[in-house]
Amino acid sequence: MSHNIGENVVNAENMQTGNVVEIREDDGMVKIAYLNGVTEWVDQNQVKKLLIETDPSPPNFDGWQNING
């Protein structure tokens, strides 16, 4: 799995979230900067993309017509 600099990720070993700040493709290591300021090299297989579920935006009804009358 490839990661990008600046991407929000989770370290699956300790469940901490952070951002990718450096990538070593030769040995598959990703450097993560955590919110507390600590940085750590982690095997790319332990780095997961951070997915945050949000409520969808309400639909925009401008221009819609009531079909039933």
Protein backbone atom coordinates (compact mmCIF):
# COMPACT_ATOMS: atom_id res chain seq x y z
CA MET A 1 0.00 0.00 0.00
CA SER A 2 1.38 3.39 -0.86
CA HIS A 3 1.05 6.47 1.27
CA ASN A 4 1.47 10.16 0.53
CA ILE A 5 3.24 12.89 2.45
CA GLY A 6 0.70 14.77 4.59
CA GLU A 7 -1.81 11.93 4.59
CA ASN A 8 -3.77 11.33 7.81
CA VAL A 9 -3.04 7.80 9.03
CA VAL A 10 -3.36 5.44 11.97
CA ASN A 11 -0.54 3.31 13.36
CA ALA A 12 -2.27 -0.08 13.73
CA GLU A 13 0.21 -1.16 16.44
CA ASN A 14 -0.69 1.57 18.95
CA MET A 15 -3.86 3.08 17.37
CA GLN A 16 -2.35 6.59 17.38
CA THR A 17 -3.25 8.99 14.60
CA GLY A 18 -0.81 11.25 12.81
CA ASN A 19 0.46 12.48 9.46
CA VAL A 20 2.93 10.91 7.08
CA VAL A 21 6.02 13.14 6.99
CA GLU A 22 8.53 10.91 5.20
CA ILE A 23 8.54 7.67 3.21
CA ARG A 24 11.42 5.23 2.65
CA GLU A 25 10.38 3.13 -0.32
CA ASP A 26 13.57 1.04 -0.26
CA ASP A 27 12.65 -0.69 3.02
CA GLY A 28 8.89 0.06 3.23
CA MET A 29 9.04 2.36 6.24
CA VAL A 30 6.80 5.37 6.84
CA LYS A 31 7.62 8.18 9.27
CA ILE A 32 4.57 9.37 11.19
CA ALA A 33 4.33 12.63 13.13
CA TYR A 34 1.80 12.23 15.92
CA LEU A 35 -0.33 15.04 17.34
CA ASN A 36 1.82 15.11 20.50
CA GLY A 37 4.90 16.01 18.41
CA VAL A 38 6.58 12.60 18.53
CA THR A 39 7.75 11.08 15.24
CA GLU A 40 8.26 7.37 14.59
CA TRP A 41 9.29 5.09 11.73
CA VAL A 42 6.65 2.40 11.19
CA ASP A 43 6.46 -0.51 8.75
CA GLN A 44 4.07 0.48 5.95
CA ASN A 45 1.97 -2.64 6.60
CA GLN A 46 1.08 -1.24 10.04
CA VAL A 47 0.05 2.17 8.66
CA LYS A 48 -3.63 2.50 7.76
CA LYS A 49 -5.45 5.38 6.12
CA LEU A 50 -7.52 7.39 8.56
CA LEU A 51 -11.15 7.39 7.46
CA ILE A 52 -13.52 9.70 9.29
CA GLU A 53 -17.23 9.22 8.73
CA THR A 54 -19.21 12.42 8.53
CA ASP A 55 -22.87 13.13 8.02
CA PRO A 56 -23.63 13.93 4.40
CA SER A 57 -24.58 17.48 3.50
CA PRO A 58 -28.32 18.07 3.29
CA PRO A 59 -29.59 18.01 -0.28
CA ASN A 60 -29.90 21.31 -2.11
CA PHE A 61 -33.57 21.78 -2.99
CA ASP A 62 -33.09 25.01 -4.97
CA GLY A 63 -34.79 24.62 -8.32
CA TRP A 64 -36.61 21.39 -7.41
CA GLN A 65 -40.29 21.25 -8.17
CA ASN A 66 -42.96 19.31 -6.37
CA ILE A 67 -43.92 16.64 -8.91
CA ASN A 68 -47.13 15.65 -7.11
CA GLY A 69 -48.70 19.05 -7.24
